[in-house]
Amino acid sequence: MTKQHANWSPYDNNGGSVVAIAGADYCVIAADTRMSTGYSILTRGYSKISKLADKAFMASSGFQADVKALQKHLTAKHLIYQHQHNKQMSCPAMAQLLSNTLYYKRFFPYYAFNVLGGLDNEGKGCVFTYDAVGSYERVGYSAQGSGSTLIMPFLDNQLKSPSPLLLPAVDAVTPLSEGEAIDLVKTVFASATERDIYTGDRLEIYVLNADGTHHEYMELRKD
């Protein structure tokens, strides 16, 4: 009799898509609220966006149990930072902390694909995009998750990010106004929802600017 090998995996992919766009004085972070496993929808109202600091928000796709563990770890580290430095962590500092945290777990990684968005020390929008083991880059816009292969070509076509190889370095922020960026995010999610079964139900949008944080929702198709 042939021996049956167990095919159990510690990971699952709960699907969903996340997007962030950085502007001259704002940052838009958005994600859908559908959480799935296989062909089953577990919930239609799960937020994939986490506030790590006043000027740093993280949107995460992948295995949501690992995402929750990652969020708890970063929240604890940020609390220690605030006690030691008597101030909140900046978005670029949080980006480095997230990279270090993911890289530390590289041999049994958090199965989480993250986009970190916020404002830097000069008040400019910043977006950092990650792989599962901590490699990251500051960009003008990014998408992660099950619909990212549909969303990124659309954003590339509309925003035409300058090459990171250009010298002198060109600023990565997008030329759009805040309203135009929000409309673009709504358009890409409406489009991705048509073709990706793991993206849908509702779109959650956070907008960070000098006045603070603005939060809104848009309904997506439910099938």
N, C-alpha and C. Protein backbone atom coordinates (compact mmCIF):
# COMPACT_ATOMS: atom_id res chain seq x y z
N MET A 1 0.85 -1.19 0.00
CA MET A 1 0.00 0.00 0.00
C MET A 1 0.88 1.25 0.00
N THR A 2 0.60 2.18 -0.90
CA THR A 2 1.41 3.41 -0.95
C THR A 2 1.07 4.32 0.21
N LYS A 3 2.10 4.94 0.73
CA LYS A 3 1.93 5.84 1.87
C LYS A 3 1.31 7.17 1.39
N GLN A 4 0.28 7.61 2.09
CA GLN A 4 -0.36 8.89 1.76
C GLN A 4 0.37 10.02 2.48
N HIS A 5 0.78 11.02 1.73
CA HIS A 5 1.45 12.17 2.34
C HIS A 5 0.43 13.25 2.69
N ALA A 6 0.58 13.78 3.87
CA ALA A 6 -0.34 14.86 4.30
C ALA A 6 -0.08 16.10 3.45
N ASN A 7 -1.16 16.74 3.01
CA ASN A 7 -0.99 17.97 2.22
C ASN A 7 -1.48 19.19 2.99
N TRP A 8 -1.45 19.07 4.33
CA TRP A 8 -1.85 20.21 5.17
C TRP A 8 -0.84 21.35 5.02
N SER A 9 -1.34 22.58 4.99
CA SER A 9 -0.47 23.75 4.90
C SER A 9 -0.78 24.71 6.05
N PRO A 10 0.25 25.33 6.64
CA PRO A 10 -0.02 26.31 7.69
C PRO A 10 -0.59 27.62 7.15
N TYR A 11 -0.60 27.77 5.84
CA TYR A 11 -1.04 29.02 5.21
C TYR A 11 -2.35 28.86 4.45
N ASP A 12 -3.05 29.97 4.30
CA ASP A 12 -4.20 30.07 3.41
C ASP A 12 -4.07 31.42 2.72
N ASN A 13 -4.76 31.61 1.60
CA ASN A 13 -4.82 32.93 0.98
C ASN A 13 -6.27 33.38 0.99
N ASN A 14 -6.53 34.42 1.78
CA ASN A 14 -7.90 34.91 1.94
C ASN A 14 -8.30 35.95 0.91
N GLY A 15 -7.43 36.18 -0.08
CA GLY A 15 -7.78 37.03 -1.23
C GLY A 15 -7.96 38.50 -0.87
N GLY A 16 -8.52 39.22 -1.83
CA GLY A 16 -8.73 40.66 -1.66
C GLY A 16 -7.59 41.47 -2.26
N SER A 17 -7.86 42.75 -2.50
CA SER A 17 -6.88 43.63 -3.14
C SER A 17 -6.71 44.91 -2.32
N VAL A 18 -5.47 45.43 -2.33
CA VAL A 18 -5.17 46.69 -1.64
C VAL A 18 -4.38 47.60 -2.59
N VAL A 19 -4.63 48.91 -2.47
CA VAL A 19 -4.00 49.90 -3.34
C VAL A 19 -3.61 51.12 -2.51
N ALA A 20 -2.49 51.75 -2.85
CA ALA A 20 -2.13 53.04 -2.24
C ALA A 20 -1.54 53.96 -3.30
N ILE A 21 -1.88 55.24 -3.22
CA ILE A 21 -1.36 56.27 -4.13
C ILE A 21 -0.87 57.45 -3.31
N ALA A 22 0.36 57.90 -3.60
CA ALA A 22 0.95 59.05 -2.90
C ALA A 22 0.90 60.28 -3.79
N GLY A 23 0.50 61.41 -3.23
CA GLY A 23 0.50 62.69 -3.95
C GLY A 23 1.43 63.67 -3.28
N ALA A 24 1.44 64.90 -3.77
CA ALA A 24 2.36 65.92 -3.26
C ALA A 24 2.10 66.22 -1.78
N ASP A 25 0.84 66.18 -1.35
CA ASP A 25 0.52 66.49 0.05
C ASP A 25 -0.58 65.59 0.62
N TYR A 26 -0.74 64.42 0.01
CA TYR A 26 -1.77 63.49 0.49
C TYR A 26 -1.35 62.05 0.19
N CYS A 27 -2.07 61.11 0.81
CA CYS A 27 -1.90 59.69 0.49
C CYS A 27 -3.26 59.01 0.57
N VAL A 28 -3.57 58.20 -0.43
CA VAL A 28 -4.82 57.45 -0.46
C VAL A 28 -4.50 55.97 -0.28
N ILE A 29 -5.14 55.33 0.71
CA ILE A 29 -4.97 53.90 0.94
C ILE A 29 -6.35 53.26 0.84
N ALA A 30 -6.47 52.21 0.05
CA ALA A 30 -7.79 51.60 -0.17
C ALA A 30 -7.69 50.07 -0.23
N ALA A 31 -8.78 49.42 0.16
CA ALA A 31 -8.87 47.95 0.10
C ALA A 31 -10.33 47.54 0.04
N ASP A 32 -10.58 46.38 -0.56
CA ASP A 32 -11.94 45.85 -0.52
C ASP A 32 -12.15 45.13 0.82
N THR A 33 -13.39 44.76 1.12
CA THR A 33 -13.69 44.18 2.44
C THR A 33 -14.10 42.70 2.37
N ARG A 34 -13.89 42.05 1.22
CA ARG A 34 -14.24 40.63 1.09
C ARG A 34 -13.12 39.75 1.62
N MET A 35 -13.47 38.75 2.44
CA MET A 35 -12.48 37.76 2.88
C MET A 35 -12.97 36.37 2.49
N SER A 36 -12.17 35.66 1.71
CA SER A 36 -12.59 34.36 1.15
C SER A 36 -11.61 33.26 1.51
N THR A 37 -12.06 32.03 1.30
CA THR A 37 -11.14 30.88 1.26
C THR A 37 -11.68 29.94 0.20
N GLY A 38 -10.86 29.63 -0.79
CA GLY A 38 -11.33 28.83 -1.92
C GLY A 38 -12.48 29.54 -2.63
N TYR A 39 -13.60 28.83 -2.80
CA TYR A 39 -14.77 29.43 -3.45
C TYR A 39 -15.81 29.89 -2.43
N SER A 40 -15.43 29.97 -1.15
CA SER A 40 -16.37 30.41 -0.11
C SER A 40 -16.02 31.81 0.38
N ILE A 41 -17.04 32.62 0.58
CA ILE A 41 -16.84 33.95 1.19
C ILE A 41 -17.04 33.79 2.69
N LEU A 42 -16.02 34.14 3.47
CA LEU A 42 -16.10 34.02 4.93
C LEU A 42 -16.84 35.22 5.53
N THR A 43 -16.54 36.42 5.02
CA THR A 43 -17.26 37.62 5.45
C THR A 43 -17.15 38.68 4.36
N ARG A 44 -18.16 39.54 4.29
CA ARG A 44 -18.19 40.61 3.30
C ARG A 44 -17.77 41.96 3.91
N GLY A 45 -17.43 41.97 5.19
CA GLY A 45 -17.16 43.25 5.86
C GLY A 45 -15.89 43.26 6.68
N TYR A 46 -14.80 42.70 6.14
CA TYR A 46 -13.53 42.62 6.88
C TYR A 46 -12.58 43.73 6.42
N SER A 47 -12.15 44.58 7.33
CA SER A 47 -11.24 45.67 6.98
C SER A 47 -9.80 45.16 6.87
N LYS A 48 -9.16 45.45 5.73
CA LYS A 48 -7.76 45.04 5.51
C LYS A 48 -6.79 46.18 5.82
N ILE A 49 -7.31 47.32 6.29
CA ILE A 49 -6.48 48.50 6.54
C ILE A 49 -6.32 48.68 8.05
N SER A 50 -5.07 48.90 8.47
CA SER A 50 -4.76 49.06 9.89
C SER A 50 -4.02 50.38 10.12
N LYS A 51 -4.44 51.12 11.13
CA LYS A 51 -3.74 52.36 11.50
C LYS A 51 -2.60 52.01 12.45
N LEU A 52 -1.36 52.21 11.99
CA LEU A 52 -0.19 51.90 12.82
C LEU A 52 0.28 53.13 13.59
N ALA A 53 0.13 54.31 12.98
CA ALA A 53 0.47 55.59 13.62
C ALA A 53 -0.43 56.65 12.98
N ASP A 54 -0.38 57.87 13.50
CA ASP A 54 -1.24 58.94 12.95
C ASP A 54 -0.98 59.17 11.46
N LYS A 55 0.28 58.97 11.03
CA LYS A 55 0.63 59.24 9.64
C LYS A 55 1.14 57.99 8.92
N ALA A 56 0.71 56.81 9.37
CA ALA A 56 1.13 55.56 8.72
C ALA A 56 0.01 54.53 8.81
N PHE A 57 -0.50 54.14 7.65
CA PHE A 57 -1.55 53.12 7.56
C PHE A 57 -1.04 51.95 6.73
N MET A 58 -1.38 50.74 7.15
CA MET A 58 -0.95 49.55 6.42
C MET A 58 -2.17 48.81 5.87
N ALA A 59 -2.11 48.48 4.58
CA ALA A 59 -3.16 47.66 3.96
C ALA A 59 -2.52 46.33 3.57
N SER A 60 -3.19 45.22 3.93
CA SER A 60 -2.56 43.91 3.79
C SER A 60 -3.50 42.89 3.16
N SER A 61 -2.95 42.14 2.20
CA SER A 61 -3.65 41.01 1.61
C SER A 61 -2.86 39.74 1.95
N GLY A 62 -3.48 38.58 1.71
CA GLY A 62 -2.79 37.32 1.97
C GLY A 62 -3.53 36.50 3.01
N PHE A 63 -2.80 35.95 3.97
CA PHE A 63 -3.37 35.12 5.04
C PHE A 63 -3.70 36.02 6.23
N GLN A 64 -5.01 36.22 6.49
CA GLN A 64 -5.39 37.26 7.44
C GLN A 64 -5.04 36.93 8.89
N ALA A 65 -4.83 35.65 9.23
CA ALA A 65 -4.35 35.31 10.58
C ALA A 65 -2.93 35.82 10.78
N ASP A 66 -2.08 35.66 9.76
CA ASP A 66 -0.71 36.20 9.82
C ASP A 66 -0.73 37.73 9.82
N VAL A 67 -1.65 38.32 9.07
CA VAL A 67 -1.77 39.79 9.03
C VAL A 67 -2.10 40.32 10.43
N LYS A 68 -3.05 39.65 11.11
CA LYS A 68 -3.42 40.08 12.48
C LYS A 68 -2.23 39.97 13.43
N ALA A 69 -1.46 38.88 13.33
CA ALA A 69 -0.28 38.69 14.18
C ALA A 69 0.75 39.79 13.89
N LEU A 70 0.93 40.13 12.60
CA LEU A 70 1.86 41.19 12.21
C LEU A 70 1.42 42.54 12.75
N GLN A 71 0.13 42.84 12.64
CA GLN A 71 -0.41 44.11 13.15
C GLN A 71 -0.19 44.24 14.66
N LYS A 72 -0.44 43.15 15.40
CA LYS A 72 -0.25 43.17 16.86
C LYS A 72 1.21 43.43 17.22
N HIS A 73 2.12 42.78 16.48
CA HIS A 73 3.56 42.95 16.72
C HIS A 73 3.98 44.40 16.48
N LEU A 74 3.54 44.98 15.36
CA LEU A 74 3.91 46.35 15.02
C LEU A 74 3.31 47.36 16.00
N THR A 75 2.08 47.11 16.45
CA THR A 75 1.43 47.99 17.44
C THR A 75 2.22 47.99 18.74
N ALA A 76 2.67 46.80 19.18
CA ALA A 76 3.47 46.69 20.41
C ALA A 76 4.80 47.41 20.27
N LYS A 77 5.47 47.23 19.12
CA LYS A 77 6.76 47.90 18.87
C LYS A 77 6.58 49.42 18.85
N HIS A 78 5.47 49.87 18.26
CA HIS A 78 5.23 51.32 18.18
C HIS A 78 4.95 51.92 19.56
N LEU A 79 4.28 51.16 20.41
CA LEU A 79 4.02 51.62 21.79
C LEU A 79 5.34 51.80 22.54
N ILE A 80 6.26 50.82 22.40
CA ILE A 80 7.58 50.92 23.03
C ILE A 80 8.33 52.15 22.50
N TYR A 81 8.27 52.36 21.18
CA TYR A 81 8.92 53.53 20.55
C TYR A 81 8.39 54.83 21.15
N GLN A 82 7.07 54.91 21.33
CA GLN A 82 6.47 56.14 21.87
C GLN A 82 6.92 56.39 23.31
N HIS A 83 7.04 55.33 24.11
CA HIS A 83 7.51 55.49 25.49
C HIS A 83 8.98 55.94 25.54
N GLN A 84 9.77 55.44 24.59
CA GLN A 84 11.21 55.75 24.60
C GLN A 84 11.52 57.14 24.01
N HIS A 85 10.75 57.54 22.98
CA HIS A 85 11.06 58.77 22.24
C HIS A 85 10.06 59.90 22.45
N ASN A 86 8.96 59.61 23.14
CA ASN A 86 7.94 60.61 23.43
C ASN A 86 7.36 61.24 22.16
N LYS A 87 7.25 60.46 21.11
CA LYS A 87 6.63 60.91 19.86
C LYS A 87 6.20 59.70 19.04
N GLN A 88 5.34 59.95 18.04
CA GLN A 88 4.90 58.87 17.16
C GLN A 88 5.96 58.61 16.09
N MET A 89 5.96 57.38 15.60
CA MET A 89 6.88 56.99 14.54
C MET A 89 6.45 57.63 13.22
N SER A 90 7.42 58.10 12.43
CA SER A 90 7.11 58.63 11.10
C SER A 90 6.82 57.47 10.16
N CYS A 91 6.23 57.78 9.01
CA CYS A 91 5.91 56.72 8.04
C CYS A 91 7.18 56.02 7.50
N PRO A 92 8.25 56.77 7.12
CA PRO A 92 9.47 56.08 6.68
C PRO A 92 10.10 55.19 7.76
N ALA A 93 10.01 55.62 9.03
CA ALA A 93 10.53 54.80 10.14
C ALA A 93 9.69 53.53 10.30
N MET A 94 8.38 53.68 10.19
CA MET A 94 7.49 52.52 10.27
C MET A 94 7.76 51.55 9.11
N ALA A 95 8.09 52.11 7.94
CA ALA A 95 8.41 51.29 6.77
C ALA A 95 9.63 50.41 7.03
N GLN A 96 10.65 50.98 7.67
CA GLN A 96 11.85 50.22 8.01
C GLN A 96 11.55 49.16 9.06
N LEU A 97 10.74 49.53 10.07
CA LEU A 97 10.35 48.56 11.10
C LEU A 97 9.59 47.38 10.50
N LEU A 98 8.67 47.66 9.57
CA LEU A 98 7.91 46.59 8.92
C LEU A 98 8.83 45.67 8.12
N SER A 99 9.79 46.28 7.40
CA SER A 99 10.76 45.49 6.64
C SER A 99 11.57 44.57 7.56
N ASN A 100 12.07 45.13 8.66
CA ASN A 100 12.87 44.34 9.62
C ASN A 100 12.05 43.20 10.21
N THR A 101 10.78 43.50 10.54
CA THR A 101 9.89 42.50 11.15
C THR A 101 9.64 41.33 10.18
N LEU A 102 9.39 41.65 8.92
CA LEU A 102 9.15 40.61 7.91
C LEU A 102 10.42 39.79 7.64
N TYR A 103 11.56 40.47 7.57
CA TYR A 103 12.82 39.79 7.27
C TYR A 103 13.24 38.87 8.41
N TYR A 104 12.94 39.27 9.65
CA TYR A 104 13.27 38.46 10.83
C TYR A 104 12.55 37.11 10.77
N LYS A 105 11.36 37.09 10.15
CA LYS A 105 10.57 35.87 10.04
C LYS A 105 10.73 35.19 8.67
N ARG A 106 11.85 35.44 7.98
CA ARG A 106 11.98 35.00 6.59
C ARG A 106 11.99 33.48 6.42
N PHE A 107 12.37 32.71 7.45
CA PHE A 107 12.43 31.25 7.31
C PHE A 107 11.07 30.58 7.58
N PHE A 108 10.14 31.31 8.16
CA PHE A 108 8.73 30.89 8.32
C PHE A 108 7.90 32.16 8.21
N PRO A 109 7.78 32.71 6.99
CA PRO A 109 7.31 34.10 6.84
C PRO A 109 5.85 34.31 7.21
N TYR A 110 5.56 35.58 7.56
CA TYR A 110 4.17 36.02 7.59
C TYR A 110 3.68 35.99 6.12
N TYR A 111 2.62 35.25 5.84
CA TYR A 111 2.10 35.21 4.47
C TYR A 111 1.20 36.43 4.27
N ALA A 112 1.85 37.59 4.27
CA ALA A 112 1.14 38.87 4.18
C ALA A 112 1.83 39.74 3.14
N PHE A 113 1.02 40.32 2.26
CA PHE A 113 1.54 41.19 1.20
C PHE A 113 1.03 42.60 1.47
N ASN A 114 1.96 43.47 1.87
CA ASN A 114 1.59 44.74 2.46
C ASN A 114 1.91 45.95 1.58
N VAL A 115 1.07 46.98 1.77
CA VAL A 115 1.35 48.30 1.23
C VAL A 115 1.24 49.26 2.41
N LEU A 116 2.28 50.06 2.64
CA LEU A 116 2.26 51.03 3.73
C LEU A 116 2.14 52.42 3.13
N GLY A 117 1.17 53.18 3.58
CA GLY A 117 0.97 54.53 3.04
C GLY A 117 0.85 55.55 4.15
N GLY A 118 1.26 56.79 3.85
CA GLY A 118 1.15 57.85 4.85
C GLY A 118 1.83 59.12 4.37
N LEU A 119 2.23 59.94 5.34
CA LEU A 119 2.92 61.19 5.05
C LEU A 119 4.30 61.16 5.68
N ASP A 120 5.32 61.66 4.96
CA ASP A 120 6.67 61.68 5.51
C ASP A 120 6.88 62.93 6.37
N ASN A 121 8.12 63.18 6.80
CA ASN A 121 8.41 64.30 7.71
C ASN A 121 8.20 65.66 7.05
N GLU A 122 8.20 65.70 5.72
CA GLU A 122 7.98 66.96 4.99
C GLU A 122 6.52 67.16 4.62
N GLY A 123 5.66 66.22 4.99
CA GLY A 123 4.23 66.31 4.65
C GLY A 123 3.89 65.77 3.28
N LYS A 124 4.88 65.19 2.58
CA LYS A 124 4.63 64.58 1.26
C LYS A 124 4.03 63.18 1.44
N GLY A 125 3.20 62.80 0.47
CA GLY A 125 2.66 61.45 0.49
C GLY A 125 3.76 60.44 0.23
N CYS A 126 3.69 59.29 0.90
CA CYS A 126 4.67 58.22 0.64
C CYS A 126 3.97 56.87 0.65
N VAL A 127 4.39 56.02 -0.26
CA VAL A 127 3.87 54.65 -0.34
C VAL A 127 5.06 53.70 -0.39
N PHE A 128 5.01 52.66 0.43
CA PHE A 128 6.05 51.62 0.44
C PHE A 128 5.38 50.29 0.12
N THR A 129 5.97 49.55 -0.80
CA THR A 129 5.41 48.26 -1.20
C THR A 129 6.37 47.13 -0.83
N TYR A 130 5.82 45.98 -0.44
CA TYR A 130 6.60 44.89 0.17
C TYR A 130 6.34 43.54 -0.49
N ASP A 131 7.33 42.65 -0.37
CA ASP A 131 7.05 41.23 -0.58
C ASP A 131 6.91 40.58 0.81
N ALA A 132 6.73 39.26 0.85
CA ALA A 132 6.43 38.59 2.12
C ALA A 132 7.63 38.54 3.08
N VAL A 133 8.86 38.74 2.56
CA VAL A 133 10.05 38.61 3.43
C VAL A 133 10.80 39.93 3.63
N GLY A 134 10.11 41.06 3.41
CA GLY A 134 10.66 42.33 3.86
C GLY A 134 11.35 43.20 2.84
N SER A 135 11.52 42.73 1.60
CA SER A 135 12.10 43.58 0.57
C SER A 135 11.10 44.69 0.25
N TYR A 136 11.54 45.96 0.32
CA TYR A 136 10.58 47.04 0.11
C TYR A 136 11.18 48.19 -0.71
N GLU A 137 10.27 49.02 -1.23
CA GLU A 137 10.67 50.12 -2.10
C GLU A 137 9.67 51.26 -1.91
N ARG A 138 10.18 52.49 -1.91
CA ARG A 138 9.27 53.64 -1.88
C ARG A 138 8.85 53.96 -3.31
N VAL A 139 7.54 54.02 -3.53
CA VAL A 139 6.99 54.22 -4.87
C VAL A 139 5.89 55.28 -4.82
N GLY A 140 5.42 55.68 -5.99
CA GLY A 140 4.33 56.66 -6.06
C GLY A 140 2.97 56.00 -5.91
N TYR A 141 2.90 54.73 -6.26
CA TYR A 141 1.63 53.98 -6.16
C TYR A 141 1.95 52.50 -6.16
N SER A 142 1.03 51.70 -5.60
CA SER A 142 1.26 50.26 -5.60
C SER A 142 -0.05 49.52 -5.35
N ALA A 143 -0.09 48.26 -5.75
CA ALA A 143 -1.22 47.38 -5.46
C ALA A 143 -0.68 46.01 -5.04
N GLN A 144 -1.39 45.35 -4.14
CA GLN A 144 -1.05 43.99 -3.72
C GLN A 144 -2.33 43.18 -3.63
N GLY A 145 -2.21 41.87 -3.66
CA GLY A 145 -3.37 41.01 -3.47
C GLY A 145 -3.81 40.31 -4.73
N SER A 146 -4.98 39.67 -4.64
CA SER A 146 -5.45 38.82 -5.73
C SER A 146 -5.78 39.60 -6.99
N GLY A 147 -6.14 40.88 -6.86
CA GLY A 147 -6.46 41.68 -8.04
C GLY A 147 -5.32 42.56 -8.50
N SER A 148 -4.13 42.41 -7.92
CA SER A 148 -3.01 43.31 -8.23
C SER A 148 -2.53 43.17 -9.68
N THR A 149 -2.66 41.96 -10.24
CA THR A 149 -2.23 41.76 -11.64
C THR A 149 -3.17 42.48 -12.62
N LEU A 150 -4.39 42.78 -12.18
CA LEU A 150 -5.32 43.55 -13.00
C LEU A 150 -5.16 45.05 -12.75
N ILE A 151 -4.87 45.41 -11.50
CA ILE A 151 -4.85 46.83 -11.10
C ILE A 151 -3.55 47.53 -11.51
N MET A 152 -2.40 46.86 -11.31
CA MET A 152 -1.12 47.52 -11.57
C MET A 152 -0.93 47.97 -13.02
N PRO A 153 -1.29 47.17 -14.03
CA PRO A 153 -1.14 47.67 -15.41
C PRO A 153 -1.99 48.92 -15.68
N PHE A 154 -3.16 48.96 -15.07
CA PHE A 154 -4.04 50.12 -15.21
C PHE A 154 -3.40 51.37 -14.59
N LEU A 155 -2.84 51.20 -13.38
CA LEU A 155 -2.18 52.33 -12.70
C LEU A 155 -0.92 52.76 -13.46
N ASP A 156 -0.17 51.79 -13.98
CA ASP A 156 1.03 52.11 -14.78
C ASP A 156 0.66 52.94 -16.00
N ASN A 157 -0.44 52.58 -16.64
CA ASN A 157 -0.90 53.29 -17.83
C ASN A 157 -1.34 54.72 -17.50
N GLN A 158 -2.00 54.88 -16.35
CA GLN A 158 -2.55 56.19 -16.00
C GLN A 158 -1.52 57.12 -15.34
N LEU A 159 -0.57 56.54 -14.61
CA LEU A 159 0.32 57.36 -13.77
C LEU A 159 1.77 57.41 -14.25
N LYS A 160 2.22 56.43 -15.04
CA LYS A 160 3.53 56.45 -15.68
C LYS A 160 4.65 56.86 -14.71
N SER A 161 4.91 56.00 -13.74
CA SER A 161 5.93 56.28 -12.73
C SER A 161 7.32 56.38 -13.36
N PRO A 162 8.13 57.37 -12.94
CA PRO A 162 9.49 57.47 -13.49
C PRO A 162 10.35 56.29 -13.04
N SER A 163 11.32 55.91 -13.86
CA SER A 163 12.20 54.79 -13.52
C SER A 163 13.04 55.11 -12.29
N PRO A 164 13.18 54.15 -11.36
CA PRO A 164 14.05 54.39 -10.19
C PRO A 164 15.53 54.47 -10.57
N LEU A 165 15.87 54.13 -11.84
CA LEU A 165 17.27 54.16 -12.28
C LEU A 165 17.69 55.54 -12.80
N LEU A 166 16.73 56.46 -12.94
CA LEU A 166 17.05 57.79 -13.47
C LEU A 166 17.96 58.55 -12.51
N LEU A 167 18.93 59.26 -13.08
CA LEU A 167 19.80 60.15 -12.29
C LEU A 167 19.77 61.54 -12.93
N PRO A 168 19.56 62.61 -12.13
CA PRO A 168 19.24 62.57 -10.70
C PRO A 168 17.86 61.94 -10.46
N ALA A 169 17.63 61.45 -9.23
CA ALA A 169 16.40 60.74 -8.89
C ALA A 169 15.19 61.65 -9.08
N VAL A 170 14.14 61.08 -9.66
CA VAL A 170 12.90 61.83 -9.87
C VAL A 170 11.92 61.47 -8.75
N ASP A 171 11.23 62.49 -8.20
CA ASP A 171 10.28 62.28 -7.11
C ASP A 171 9.18 61.30 -7.56
N ALA A 172 8.86 60.35 -6.69
CA ALA A 172 7.93 59.28 -7.07
C ALA A 172 6.45 59.68 -6.93
N VAL A 173 6.17 60.83 -6.30
CA VAL A 173 4.75 61.17 -6.05
C VAL A 173 4.01 61.39 -7.37
N THR A 174 2.74 61.05 -7.36
CA THR A 174 1.92 61.14 -8.58
C THR A 174 1.46 62.58 -8.79
N PRO A 175 1.21 62.97 -10.06
CA PRO A 175 0.82 64.35 -10.36
C PRO A 175 -0.67 64.64 -10.13
N LEU A 176 -1.44 63.63 -9.74
CA LEU A 176 -2.89 63.81 -9.59
C LEU A 176 -3.24 64.66 -8.37
N SER A 177 -4.39 65.34 -8.44
CA SER A 177 -4.94 65.99 -7.26
C SER A 177 -5.55 64.91 -6.36
N GLU A 178 -5.87 65.29 -5.14
CA GLU A 178 -6.43 64.32 -4.19
C GLU A 178 -7.74 63.72 -4.71
N GLY A 179 -8.62 64.56 -5.23
CA GLY A 179 -9.91 64.10 -5.76
C GLY A 179 -9.74 63.15 -6.94
N GLU A 180 -8.78 63.47 -7.83
CA GLU A 180 -8.52 62.62 -8.99
C GLU A 180 -7.99 61.24 -8.55
N ALA A 181 -7.14 61.24 -7.52
CA ALA A 181 -6.59 59.97 -7.01
C ALA A 181 -7.68 59.09 -6.42
N ILE A 182 -8.60 59.70 -5.68
CA ILE A 182 -9.72 58.94 -5.09
C ILE A 182 -10.60 58.36 -6.20
N ASP A 183 -10.90 59.17 -7.22
CA ASP A 183 -11.71 58.69 -8.35
C ASP A 183 -11.01 57.55 -9.09
N LEU A 184 -9.68 57.65 -9.24
CA LEU A 184 -8.91 56.59 -9.91
C LEU A 184 -8.98 55.28 -9.13
N VAL A 185 -8.84 55.38 -7.80
CA VAL A 185 -8.92 54.19 -6.94
C VAL A 185 -10.29 53.53 -7.07
N LYS A 186 -11.35 54.34 -7.08
CA LYS A 186 -12.70 53.79 -7.23
C LYS A 186 -12.85 53.09 -8.58
N THR A 187 -12.27 53.68 -9.62
CA THR A 187 -12.35 53.10 -10.96
C THR A 187 -11.62 51.76 -11.04
N VAL A 188 -10.40 51.69 -10.49
CA VAL A 188 -9.62 50.44 -10.59
C VAL A 188 -10.28 49.30 -9.81
N PHE A 189 -10.91 49.63 -8.67
CA PHE A 189 -11.58 48.57 -7.90
C PHE A 189 -12.86 48.11 -8.60
N ALA A 190 -13.61 49.05 -9.16
CA ALA A 190 -14.82 48.67 -9.91
C ALA A 190 -14.44 47.75 -11.07
N SER A 191 -13.31 48.03 -11.71
CA SER A 191 -12.81 47.23 -12.83
C SER A 191 -12.33 45.87 -12.36
N ALA A 192 -11.51 45.83 -11.29
CA ALA A 192 -10.95 44.57 -10.78
C ALA A 192 -12.04 43.63 -10.28
N THR A 193 -13.09 44.21 -9.68
CA THR A 193 -14.19 43.40 -9.14
C THR A 193 -14.91 42.62 -10.24
N GLU A 194 -14.92 43.14 -11.46
CA GLU A 194 -15.57 42.46 -12.58
C GLU A 194 -14.85 41.16 -12.96
N ARG A 195 -13.52 41.11 -12.74
CA ARG A 195 -12.72 39.98 -13.23
C ARG A 195 -12.12 39.10 -12.13
N ASP A 196 -12.06 39.59 -10.89
CA ASP A 196 -11.44 38.82 -9.80
C ASP A 196 -12.51 38.41 -8.79
N ILE A 197 -12.73 37.11 -8.63
CA ILE A 197 -13.79 36.64 -7.72
C ILE A 197 -13.46 36.90 -6.24
N TYR A 198 -12.20 37.15 -5.92
CA TYR A 198 -11.80 37.38 -4.52
C TYR A 198 -11.87 38.84 -4.10
N THR A 199 -12.17 39.74 -5.04
CA THR A 199 -12.28 41.17 -4.75
C THR A 199 -13.72 41.58 -4.94
N GLY A 200 -14.28 42.29 -3.95
CA GLY A 200 -15.66 42.73 -4.11
C GLY A 200 -16.31 43.18 -2.82
N ASP A 201 -17.63 43.30 -2.84
CA ASP A 201 -18.52 43.66 -1.73
C ASP A 201 -18.50 45.15 -1.39
N ARG A 202 -17.35 45.66 -0.93
CA ARG A 202 -17.30 47.06 -0.48
C ARG A 202 -15.86 47.56 -0.57
N LEU A 203 -15.71 48.82 -0.92
CA LEU A 203 -14.38 49.44 -0.98
C LEU A 203 -14.23 50.40 0.20
N GLU A 204 -13.13 50.24 0.93
CA GLU A 204 -12.82 51.12 2.07
C GLU A 204 -11.65 52.01 1.69
N ILE A 205 -11.80 53.32 1.87
CA ILE A 205 -10.77 54.28 1.46
C ILE A 205 -10.39 55.17 2.65
N TYR A 206 -9.07 55.29 2.89
CA TYR A 206 -8.55 56.28 3.85
C TYR A 206 -7.74 57.31 3.07
N VAL A 207 -7.95 58.59 3.40
CA VAL A 207 -7.19 59.68 2.78
C VAL A 207 -6.47 60.44 3.88
N LEU A 208 -5.13 60.50 3.79
CA LEU A 208 -4.33 61.25 4.77
C LEU A 208 -3.85 62.54 4.12
N ASN A 209 -4.00 63.66 4.83
CA ASN A 209 -3.44 64.94 4.38
C ASN A 209 -3.12 65.79 5.60
N ALA A 210 -2.77 67.05 5.37
CA ALA A 210 -2.37 67.94 6.46
C ALA A 210 -3.49 68.17 7.47
N ASP A 211 -4.74 68.03 7.01
CA ASP A 211 -5.90 68.26 7.90
C ASP A 211 -6.23 67.05 8.76
N GLY A 212 -5.62 65.91 8.47
CA GLY A 212 -5.90 64.70 9.24
C GLY A 212 -6.26 63.53 8.35
N THR A 213 -7.20 62.70 8.81
CA THR A 213 -7.57 61.48 8.10
C THR A 213 -9.05 61.52 7.73
N HIS A 214 -9.33 61.16 6.49
CA HIS A 214 -10.72 61.08 6.00
C HIS A 214 -11.00 59.64 5.59
N HIS A 215 -12.19 59.16 5.91
CA HIS A 215 -12.54 57.75 5.73
C HIS A 215 -13.85 57.66 4.94
N GLU A 216 -13.89 56.86 3.89
CA GLU A 216 -15.15 56.69 3.15
C GLU A 216 -15.27 55.28 2.58
N TYR A 217 -16.50 54.95 2.18
CA TYR A 217 -16.79 53.64 1.59
C TYR A 217 -17.45 53.79 0.23
N MET A 218 -17.31 52.77 -0.61
CA MET A 218 -18.06 52.68 -1.86
C MET A 218 -18.52 51.23 -2.04
N GLU A 219 -19.74 51.02 -2.43
CA GLU A 219 -20.25 49.67 -2.64
C GLU A 219 -19.67 49.09 -3.93
N LEU A 220 -19.29 47.79 -3.89
CA LEU A 220 -18.84 47.06 -5.09
C LEU A 220 -19.83 45.92 -5.34
N ARG A 221 -19.70 45.23 -6.44
CA ARG A 221 -20.65 44.14 -6.72
C ARG A 221 -20.47 43.00 -5.74
N LYS A 222 -21.57 42.34 -5.42
CA LYS A 222 -21.59 41.35 -4.32
C LYS A 222 -21.48 39.90 -4.80
N ASP A 223 -21.42 39.68 -6.13
CA ASP A 223 -21.39 38.30 -6.62
C ASP A 223 -19.98 37.83 -6.93
